[in-house]
Amino acid sequence: MVSKNNGILIGDIFHKRLTPVRHMLKYKVFALMIDCDKISQLSNEMRYFSYNKFNLFSIRDKDHGNKTNITNFLNDIKTQSKTANEVKRFTMVCYPRILGCAFNPLTLYLGYNSKNTIELVVYEVNNTFNGRIVYVIPTNNENEGIIYQNCKKKLYISPFNGNTGEYSFHVKKTDQELNIGIALKEKTTPILKAYFKNNIIELNDYNLLITLKNNISMIFKVILAIHYEALKLWIKGLKIKKRANVPNYQIEYIKIK
């Protein structure tokens, strides 16, 4: 039932703001890694996980992409993307709904070629204002198993950052872990860094229950942490920046040099 393309990622989120005030946080989370071609099969075979239905854990199309079928959404991206080799399959990494509740600041889609090498990375970024942007970036600079990528920031995420800046990403995938790093800078000034470091365990019903038992607060942690940490930054003196009027859904195909 379960393949190595599926898993539960258990680890820590690190978030460090560098300027104009320094601030750091760390909290434990878990995410699911799902083979997008097998998501319906997993839903049929697992007791506590469902696709587009209520369950203890679930993933719904309306929470991701353009709110249509996830596989069709990714097939459209594959068609529109210019990659050196054809993308054969995608895995997604996201926070699942837990008892119907979830918020995904970032969903990652990894597009693999026939040699099982990551050919394309899709970063789906959501804010707390119902805004979503999808950055689609081919890979061509893998260095010792680490993928480095960058793109211009085009969505208001934090009330203290505005819409401008440049992201840099790094992704490292092994059989044991999938580590994701994000940094933001404005011009030449580093603003913040975030990092998800984790271990991958087998995706099955028993491990889902144990993971939930050990992380029960995650039902509310992600969305509450965002607002709680924002309050602390405001108390430290950071000023809120005006949110630009942009579409609620954007998709950006990034050309690499």
C-alpha atoms as a PDB file:
ATOM      1  CA  MET A   1       0.000   0.000   0.000  1.00  0.00           C
ATOM      2  CA  VAL A   2       2.577   2.541   1.115  1.00  0.00           C
ATOM      3  CA  SER A   3       5.557   3.406  -1.097  1.00  0.00           C
ATOM      4  CA  LYS A   4       8.745   5.355  -0.465  1.00  0.00           C
ATOM      5  CA  ASN A   5       7.116   8.254  -2.359  1.00  0.00           C
ATOM      6  CA  ASN A   6       4.780   8.761   0.626  1.00  0.00           C
ATOM      7  CA  GLY A   7       5.728   9.603   4.180  1.00  0.00           C
ATOM      8  CA  ILE A   8       5.203  11.609   7.334  1.00  0.00           C
ATOM      9  CA  LEU A   9       7.746  14.390   7.878  1.00  0.00           C
ATOM     10  CA  ILE A  10       8.303  15.039  11.590  1.00  0.00           C
ATOM     11  CA  GLY A  11      10.561  17.879  12.637  1.00  0.00           C
ATOM     12  CA  ASP A  12      11.069  21.493  13.613  1.00  0.00           C
ATOM     13  CA  ILE A  13      10.377  24.836  11.991  1.00  0.00           C
ATOM     14  CA  PHE A  14      13.051  27.469  12.596  1.00  0.00           C
ATOM     15  CA  HIS A  15      12.279  31.098  11.780  1.00  0.00           C
ATOM     16  CA  LYS A  16      14.760  33.925  12.287  1.00  0.00           C
ATOM     17  CA  ARG A  17      14.155  37.603  11.547  1.00  0.00           C
ATOM     18  CA  LEU A  18      17.383  39.517  11.049  1.00  0.00           C
ATOM     19  CA  THR A  19      16.335  43.147  10.601  1.00  0.00           C
ATOM     20  CA  PRO A  20      15.174  45.754  11.561  1.00  0.00           C
ATOM     21  CA  VAL A  21      14.686  43.855  14.826  1.00  0.00           C
ATOM     22  CA  ARG A  22      15.987  40.410  15.663  1.00  0.00           C
ATOM     23  CA  HIS A  23      13.495  37.695  16.492  1.00  0.00           C
ATOM     24  CA  MET A  24      13.626  33.892  16.477  1.00  0.00           C
ATOM     25  CA  LEU A  25      11.125  31.081  16.932  1.00  0.00           C
ATOM     26  CA  LYS A  26      11.146  27.312  16.810  1.00  0.00           C
ATOM     27  CA  TYR A  27       8.261  24.853  17.030  1.00  0.00           C
ATOM     28  CA  LYS A  28       7.551  21.228  16.242  1.00  0.00           C
ATOM     29  CA  VAL A  29       5.326  20.305  13.295  1.00  0.00           C
ATOM     30  CA  PHE A  30       4.668  17.430  10.950  1.00  0.00           C
ATOM     31  CA  ALA A  31       3.694  17.329   7.283  1.00  0.00           C
ATOM     32  CA  LEU A  32       2.627  14.676   4.803  1.00  0.00           C
ATOM     33  CA  MET A  33       4.511  13.704   1.662  1.00  0.00           C
ATOM     34  CA  ILE A  34       2.088  12.258  -0.887  1.00  0.00           C
ATOM     35  CA  ASP A  35       2.562  10.734  -4.319  1.00  0.00           C
ATOM     36  CA  CYS A  36       0.044  12.817  -6.280  1.00  0.00           C
ATOM     37  CA  ASP A  37      -0.733   9.934  -8.652  1.00  0.00           C
ATOM     38  CA  LYS A  38      -1.641   7.719  -5.671  1.00  0.00           C
ATOM     39  CA  ILE A  39      -3.632  10.111  -3.536  1.00  0.00           C
ATOM     40  CA  SER A  40      -7.016   8.547  -4.366  1.00  0.00           C
ATOM     41  CA  GLN A  41      -5.607   5.070  -3.811  1.00  0.00           C
ATOM     42  CA  LEU A  42      -4.246   6.098  -0.402  1.00  0.00           C
ATOM     43  CA  SER A  43      -7.651   7.511   0.505  1.00  0.00           C
ATOM     44  CA  ASN A  44      -9.304   4.186  -0.333  1.00  0.00           C
ATOM     45  CA  GLU A  45      -6.750   2.043   1.489  1.00  0.00           C
ATOM     46  CA  MET A  46      -6.158   4.044   4.682  1.00  0.00           C
ATOM     47  CA  ARG A  47      -8.586   4.350   7.566  1.00  0.00           C
ATOM     48  CA  TYR A  48      -7.602   7.747   8.940  1.00  0.00           C
ATOM     49  CA  PHE A  49      -6.651   9.590   5.750  1.00  0.00           C
ATOM     50  CA  SER A  50      -9.087  10.795   3.057  1.00  0.00           C
ATOM     51  CA  TYR A  51      -8.963  12.786  -0.155  1.00  0.00           C
ATOM     52  CA  ASN A  52     -11.735  15.370  -0.577  1.00  0.00           C
ATOM     53  CA  LYS A  53     -13.648  13.865   2.347  1.00  0.00           C
ATOM     54  CA  PHE A  54     -13.753  14.548   6.072  1.00  0.00           C
ATOM     55  CA  ASN A  55     -11.497  12.374   8.197  1.00  0.00           C
ATOM     56  CA  LEU A  56      -9.000  12.603  11.015  1.00  0.00           C
ATOM     57  CA  PHE A  57      -6.473  13.592   8.310  1.00  0.00           C
ATOM     58  CA  SER A  58      -7.435  14.802   4.855  1.00  0.00           C
ATOM     59  CA  ILE A  59      -6.281  16.680   1.775  1.00  0.00           C
ATOM     60  CA  ARG A  60      -8.750  18.660  -0.322  1.00  0.00           C
ATOM     61  CA  ASP A  61      -8.393  20.043  -3.825  1.00  0.00           C
ATOM     62  CA  LYS A  62      -9.892  23.374  -2.770  1.00  0.00           C
ATOM     63  CA  ASP A  63      -6.965  23.986  -0.385  1.00  0.00           C
ATOM     64  CA  HIS A  64      -4.344  23.789  -3.112  1.00  0.00           C
ATOM     65  CA  GLY A  65      -3.341  24.980  -6.562  1.00  0.00           C
ATOM     66  CA  ASN A  66      -6.158  26.612  -8.501  1.00  0.00           C
ATOM     67  CA  LYS A  67      -8.734  24.809  -6.299  1.00  0.00           C
ATOM     68  CA  THR A  68      -9.444  22.185  -8.958  1.00  0.00           C
ATOM     69  CA  ASN A  69      -8.159  18.606  -9.151  1.00  0.00           C
ATOM     70  CA  ILE A  70      -4.561  18.565  -7.869  1.00  0.00           C
ATOM     71  CA  THR A  71      -3.348  16.138 -10.541  1.00  0.00           C
ATOM     72  CA  ASN A  72      -4.865  18.197 -13.361  1.00  0.00           C
ATOM     73  CA  PHE A  73      -3.373  21.357 -11.871  1.00  0.00           C
ATOM     74  CA  LEU A  74       0.091  19.783 -11.852  1.00  0.00           C
ATOM     75  CA  ASN A  75      -0.310  18.375 -15.359  1.00  0.00           C
ATOM     76  CA  ASP A  76      -1.051  21.894 -16.608  1.00  0.00           C
ATOM     77  CA  ILE A  77       2.073  23.160 -14.864  1.00  0.00           C
ATOM     78  CA  LYS A  78       4.137  20.366 -16.390  1.00  0.00           C
ATOM     79  CA  THR A  79       2.852  21.286 -19.862  1.00  0.00           C
ATOM     80  CA  GLN A  80       3.647  24.982 -19.392  1.00  0.00           C
ATOM     81  CA  SER A  81       7.100  24.474 -17.843  1.00  0.00           C
ATOM     82  CA  LYS A  82      10.369  24.342 -19.743  1.00  0.00           C
ATOM     83  CA  THR A  83      12.528  21.617 -18.214  1.00  0.00           C
ATOM     84  CA  ALA A  84      15.580  19.794 -19.525  1.00  0.00           C
ATOM     85  CA  ASN A  85      13.845  16.439 -19.031  1.00  0.00           C
ATOM     86  CA  GLU A  86      10.195  15.492 -18.908  1.00  0.00           C
ATOM     87  CA  VAL A  87       8.533  15.468 -15.503  1.00  0.00           C
ATOM     88  CA  LYS A  88       6.998  12.032 -14.928  1.00  0.00           C
ATOM     89  CA  ARG A  89       5.433  12.382 -11.476  1.00  0.00           C
ATOM     90  CA  PHE A  90       4.906  14.769  -8.577  1.00  0.00           C
ATOM     91  CA  THR A  91       4.960  14.418  -4.828  1.00  0.00           C
ATOM     92  CA  MET A  92       3.400  17.070  -2.618  1.00  0.00           C
ATOM     93  CA  VAL A  93       4.470  18.119   0.863  1.00  0.00           C
ATOM     94  CA  CYS A  94       1.860  19.916   2.934  1.00  0.00           C
ATOM     95  CA  TYR A  95       0.130  20.180   6.272  1.00  0.00           C
ATOM     96  CA  PRO A  96      -2.969  17.995   6.135  1.00  0.00           C
ATOM     97  CA  ARG A  97      -6.338  19.018   7.411  1.00  0.00           C
ATOM     98  CA  ILE A  98      -6.743  17.624  10.930  1.00  0.00           C
ATOM     99  CA  LEU A  99     -10.405  17.116  11.810  1.00  0.00           C
ATOM    100  CA  GLY A 100     -11.162  19.508   8.956  1.00  0.00           C
ATOM    101  CA  CYS A 101      -8.828  22.295  10.148  1.00  0.00           C
ATOM    102  CA  ALA A 102      -5.612  23.391   8.443  1.00  0.00           C
ATOM    103  CA  PHE A 103      -3.635  26.282   7.053  1.00  0.00           C
ATOM    104  CA  ASN A 104      -0.722  25.762   4.652  1.00  0.00           C
ATOM    105  CA  PRO A 105       1.701  28.698   4.498  1.00  0.00           C
ATOM    106  CA  LEU A 106       3.740  26.651   2.039  1.00  0.00           C
ATOM    107  CA  THR A 107       2.961  23.554  -0.009  1.00  0.00           C
ATOM    108  CA  LEU A 108       5.816  22.058  -1.972  1.00  0.00           C
ATOM    109  CA  TYR A 109       5.455  19.971  -5.147  1.00  0.00           C
ATOM    110  CA  LEU A 110       8.495  18.065  -6.387  1.00  0.00           C
ATOM    111  CA  GLY A 111       8.487  17.033 -10.037  1.00  0.00           C
ATOM    112  CA  TYR A 112      10.620  13.971 -10.808  1.00  0.00           C
ATOM    113  CA  ASN A 113      11.983  12.811 -14.158  1.00  0.00           C
ATOM    114  CA  SER A 114      12.375   9.201 -15.335  1.00  0.00           C
ATOM    115  CA  LYS A 115      15.696   8.920 -13.449  1.00  0.00           C
ATOM    116  CA  ASN A 116      13.966   9.859 -10.200  1.00  0.00           C
ATOM    117  CA  THR A 117      15.792  13.190 -10.102  1.00  0.00           C
ATOM    118  CA  ILE A 118      13.945  16.374  -9.141  1.00  0.00           C
ATOM    119  CA  GLU A 119      13.395  18.329 -12.359  1.00  0.00           C
ATOM    120  CA  LEU A 120      10.910  20.949 -11.185  1.00  0.00           C
ATOM    121  CA  VAL A 121       9.951  22.511  -7.845  1.00  0.00           C
ATOM    122  CA  VAL A 122       6.602  24.231  -7.316  1.00  0.00           C
ATOM    123  CA  TYR A 123       6.279  26.503  -4.287  1.00  0.00           C
ATOM    124  CA  GLU A 124       2.645  27.234  -3.391  1.00  0.00           C
ATOM    125  CA  VAL A 125       2.599  30.137  -0.919  1.00  0.00           C
ATOM    126  CA  ASN A 126      -0.505  31.223   0.995  1.00  0.00           C
ATOM    127  CA  ASN A 127      -1.108  34.215   3.227  1.00  0.00           C
ATOM    128  CA  THR A 128      -3.769  34.810   5.880  1.00  0.00           C
ATOM    129  CA  PHE A 129      -5.738  37.091   3.530  1.00  0.00           C
ATOM    130  CA  ASN A 130      -6.868  34.248   1.206  1.00  0.00           C
ATOM    131  CA  GLY A 131      -4.084  35.092  -1.216  1.00  0.00           C
ATOM    132  CA  ARG A 132      -2.072  32.445  -3.030  1.00  0.00           C
ATOM    133  CA  ILE A 133       0.873  32.532  -5.388  1.00  0.00           C
ATOM    134  CA  VAL A 134       2.523  29.575  -7.118  1.00  0.00           C
ATOM    135  CA  TYR A 135       6.194  29.860  -8.092  1.00  0.00           C
ATOM    136  CA  VAL A 136       7.216  27.244 -10.680  1.00  0.00           C
ATOM    137  CA  ILE A 137      10.991  26.842 -10.916  1.00  0.00           C
ATOM    138  CA  PRO A 138      12.975  24.284 -12.956  1.00  0.00           C
ATOM    139  CA  THR A 139      16.150  22.895 -11.426  1.00  0.00           C
ATOM    140  CA  ASN A 140      19.557  23.054 -13.081  1.00  0.00           C
ATOM    141  CA  ASN A 141      22.014  23.746 -10.280  1.00  0.00           C
ATOM    142  CA  GLU A 142      21.868  20.740  -8.017  1.00  0.00           C
ATOM    143  CA  ASN A 143      25.001  20.635  -5.878  1.00  0.00           C
ATOM    144  CA  GLU A 144      25.732  17.533  -3.803  1.00  0.00           C
ATOM    145  CA  GLY A 145      22.024  16.740  -3.560  1.00  0.00           C
ATOM    146  CA  ILE A 146      20.956  20.293  -2.639  1.00  0.00           C
ATOM    147  CA  ILE A 147      18.726  22.331  -4.968  1.00  0.00           C
ATOM    148  CA  TYR A 148      19.264  26.112  -4.887  1.00  0.00           C
ATOM    149  CA  GLN A 149      16.674  28.419  -6.469  1.00  0.00           C
ATOM    150  CA  ASN A 150      15.492  32.014  -6.259  1.00  0.00           C
ATOM    151  CA  CYS A 151      12.712  34.312  -7.467  1.00  0.00           C
ATOM    152  CA  LYS A 152      11.202  37.738  -6.867  1.00  0.00           C
ATOM    153  CA  LYS A 153       8.662  37.991  -4.053  1.00  0.00           C
ATOM    154  CA  LYS A 154       5.230  38.933  -5.419  1.00  0.00           C
ATOM    155  CA  LEU A 155       2.769  38.300  -2.607  1.00  0.00           C
ATOM    156  CA  TYR A 156       2.182  40.094   0.691  1.00  0.00           C
ATOM    157  CA  ILE A 157       2.821  37.513   3.417  1.00  0.00           C
ATOM    158  CA  SER A 158       3.938  39.250   6.606  1.00  0.00           C
ATOM    159  CA  PRO A 159       2.444  42.651   7.526  1.00  0.00           C
ATOM    160  CA  PHE A 160       6.003  43.743   8.300  1.00  0.00           C
ATOM    161  CA  ASN A 161       7.543  42.911   4.913  1.00  0.00           C
ATOM    162  CA  GLY A 162       5.288  44.263   2.174  1.00  0.00           C
ATOM    163  CA  ASN A 163       5.309  42.865  -1.357  1.00  0.00           C
ATOM    164  CA  THR A 164       8.899  43.405  -2.427  1.00  0.00           C
ATOM    165  CA  GLY A 165      12.073  41.406  -2.027  1.00  0.00           C
ATOM    166  CA  GLU A 166      13.701  38.268  -3.336  1.00  0.00           C
ATOM    167  CA  TYR A 167      13.381  34.702  -2.083  1.00  0.00           C
ATOM    168  CA  SER A 168      16.122  32.121  -2.155  1.00  0.00           C
ATOM    169  CA  PHE A 169      15.232  28.481  -1.596  1.00  0.00           C
ATOM    170  CA  HIS A 170      17.181  25.343  -0.919  1.00  0.00           C
ATOM    171  CA  VAL A 171      15.797  21.822  -0.900  1.00  0.00           C
ATOM    172  CA  LYS A 172      17.600  18.655   0.139  1.00  0.00           C
ATOM    173  CA  LYS A 173      15.827  15.322  -0.373  1.00  0.00           C
ATOM    174  CA  THR A 174      17.091  11.930   0.776  1.00  0.00           C
ATOM    175  CA  ASP A 175      15.281   8.742   1.746  1.00  0.00           C
ATOM    176  CA  GLN A 176      15.472   9.826   5.384  1.00  0.00           C
ATOM    177  CA  GLU A 177      14.676  13.554   5.218  1.00  0.00           C
ATOM    178  CA  LEU A 178      13.364  16.439   3.140  1.00  0.00           C
ATOM    179  CA  ASN A 179      14.816  19.696   4.403  1.00  0.00           C
ATOM    180  CA  ILE A 180      13.526  23.016   3.087  1.00  0.00           C
ATOM    181  CA  GLY A 181      15.098  26.436   3.589  1.00  0.00           C
ATOM    182  CA  ILE A 182      13.782  29.871   2.599  1.00  0.00           C
ATOM    183  CA  ALA A 183      15.495  33.240   2.917  1.00  0.00           C
ATOM    184  CA  LEU A 184      14.158  36.710   2.085  1.00  0.00           C
ATOM    185  CA  LYS A 185      16.209  39.781   1.290  1.00  0.00           C
ATOM    186  CA  GLU A 186      15.388  43.290   0.118  1.00  0.00           C
ATOM    187  CA  LYS A 187      18.044  44.539  -2.287  1.00  0.00           C
ATOM    188  CA  THR A 188      21.186  43.389  -0.478  1.00  0.00           C
ATOM    189  CA  THR A 189      19.750  43.327   3.055  1.00  0.00           C
ATOM    190  CA  PRO A 190      18.853  39.906   4.558  1.00  0.00           C
ATOM    191  CA  ILE A 191      15.405  40.109   6.191  1.00  0.00           C
ATOM    192  CA  LEU A 192      14.599  36.632   7.440  1.00  0.00           C
ATOM    193  CA  LYS A 193      15.420  32.957   7.191  1.00  0.00           C
ATOM    194  CA  ALA A 194      13.162  29.943   7.710  1.00  0.00           C
ATOM    195  CA  TYR A 195      14.009  26.253   7.773  1.00  0.00           C
ATOM    196  CA  PHE A 196      12.073  23.002   8.095  1.00  0.00           C
ATOM    197  CA  LYS A 197      14.305  20.162   9.285  1.00  0.00           C
ATOM    198  CA  ASN A 198      12.675  16.761   9.594  1.00  0.00           C
ATOM    199  CA  ASN A 199      12.856  12.991   9.472  1.00  0.00           C
ATOM    200  CA  ILE A 200      10.640  10.895   7.193  1.00  0.00           C
ATOM    201  CA  ILE A 201       8.754   7.911   8.586  1.00  0.00           C
ATOM    202  CA  GLU A 202       6.401   5.515   6.830  1.00  0.00           C
ATOM    203  CA  LEU A 203       2.914   6.788   6.054  1.00  0.00           C
ATOM    204  CA  ASN A 204       0.417   4.391   7.608  1.00  0.00           C
ATOM    205  CA  ASP A 205      -2.549   4.597   9.960  1.00  0.00           C
ATOM    206  CA  TYR A 206      -0.604   3.645  13.068  1.00  0.00           C
ATOM    207  CA  ASN A 207       2.104   6.265  12.470  1.00  0.00           C
ATOM    208  CA  LEU A 208      -0.530   8.910  11.787  1.00  0.00           C
ATOM    209  CA  LEU A 209      -2.155   8.266  15.163  1.00  0.00           C
ATOM    210  CA  ILE A 210       1.160   8.270  17.015  1.00  0.00           C
ATOM    211  CA  THR A 211       2.238  11.455  15.241  1.00  0.00           C
ATOM    212  CA  LEU A 212      -1.014  13.180  16.154  1.00  0.00           C
ATOM    213  CA  LYS A 213      -0.718  12.039  19.778  1.00  0.00           C
ATOM    214  CA  ASN A 214       2.748  13.573  19.986  1.00  0.00           C
ATOM    215  CA  ASN A 215       1.727  16.768  18.146  1.00  0.00           C
ATOM    216  CA  ILE A 216      -1.893  17.274  19.207  1.00  0.00           C
ATOM    217  CA  SER A 217      -1.486  21.044  19.485  1.00  0.00           C
ATOM    218  CA  MET A 218      -0.701  21.304  15.767  1.00  0.00           C
ATOM    219  CA  ILE A 219      -4.449  21.468  15.054  1.00  0.00           C
ATOM    220  CA  PHE A 220      -4.242  25.141  16.058  1.00  0.00           C
ATOM    221  CA  LYS A 221      -0.503  25.765  16.249  1.00  0.00           C
ATOM    222  CA  VAL A 222       0.288  27.011  12.743  1.00  0.00           C
ATOM    223  CA  ILE A 223      -2.336  29.727  12.417  1.00  0.00           C
ATOM    224  CA  LEU A 224      -2.110  30.783  16.075  1.00  0.00           C
ATOM    225  CA  ALA A 225       1.676  30.936  15.953  1.00  0.00           C
ATOM    226  CA  ILE A 226       1.562  33.268  12.942  1.00  0.00           C
ATOM    227  CA  HIS A 227      -0.586  35.792  14.789  1.00  0.00           C
ATOM    228  CA  TYR A 228       1.162  35.377  18.141  1.00  0.00           C
ATOM    229  CA  GLU A 229       4.609  35.966  16.665  1.00  0.00           C
ATOM    230  CA  ALA A 230       3.285  38.932  14.668  1.00  0.00           C
ATOM    231  CA  LEU A 231       2.023  40.455  17.917  1.00  0.00           C
ATOM    232  CA  LYS A 232       5.443  40.068  19.519  1.00  0.00           C
ATOM    233  CA  LEU A 233       7.122  41.722  16.516  1.00  0.00           C
ATOM    234  CA  TRP A 234       4.670  44.618  16.709  1.00  0.00           C
ATOM    235  CA  ILE A 235       5.459  45.024  20.411  1.00  0.00           C
ATOM    236  CA  LYS A 236       9.158  45.105  19.518  1.00  0.00           C
ATOM    237  CA  GLY A 237       8.454  48.098  17.295  1.00  0.00           C
ATOM    238  CA  LEU A 238       8.089  46.773  13.761  1.00  0.00           C
ATOM    239  CA  LYS A 239       5.718  48.888  11.690  1.00  0.00           C
ATOM    240  CA  ILE A 240       2.956  47.350   9.596  1.00  0.00           C
ATOM    241  CA  LYS A 241       3.330  47.859   5.844  1.00  0.00           C
ATOM    242  CA  LYS A 242       0.416  48.475   3.512  1.00  0.00           C
ATOM    243  CA  ARG A 243      -0.846  45.470   1.572  1.00  0.00           C
ATOM    244  CA  ALA A 244      -0.850  45.924  -2.209  1.00  0.00           C
ATOM    245  CA  ASN A 245      -4.003  45.191  -4.194  1.00  0.00           C
ATOM    246  CA  VAL A 246      -3.101  42.022  -6.113  1.00  0.00           C
ATOM    247  CA  PRO A 247      -5.145  39.060  -7.403  1.00  0.00           C
ATOM    248  CA  ASN A 248      -5.997  36.364  -4.857  1.00  0.00           C
ATOM    249  CA  TYR A 249      -4.433  33.746  -7.133  1.00  0.00           C
ATOM    250  CA  GLN A 250      -1.243  34.140  -9.139  1.00  0.00           C
ATOM    251  CA  ILE A 251       1.078  31.692 -10.884  1.00  0.00           C
ATOM    252  CA  GLU A 252       4.615  32.615 -11.880  1.00  0.00           C
ATOM    253  CA  TYR A 253       6.762  30.535 -14.221  1.00  0.00           C
ATOM    254  CA  ILE A 254      10.357  31.422 -13.378  1.00  0.00           C
ATOM    255  CA  LYS A 255      12.961  31.272 -16.113  1.00  0.00           C
ATOM    256  CA  ILE A 256      16.369  30.096 -15.010  1.00  0.00           C
ATOM    257  CA  LYS A 257      19.619  31.223 -16.519  1.00  0.00           C
END
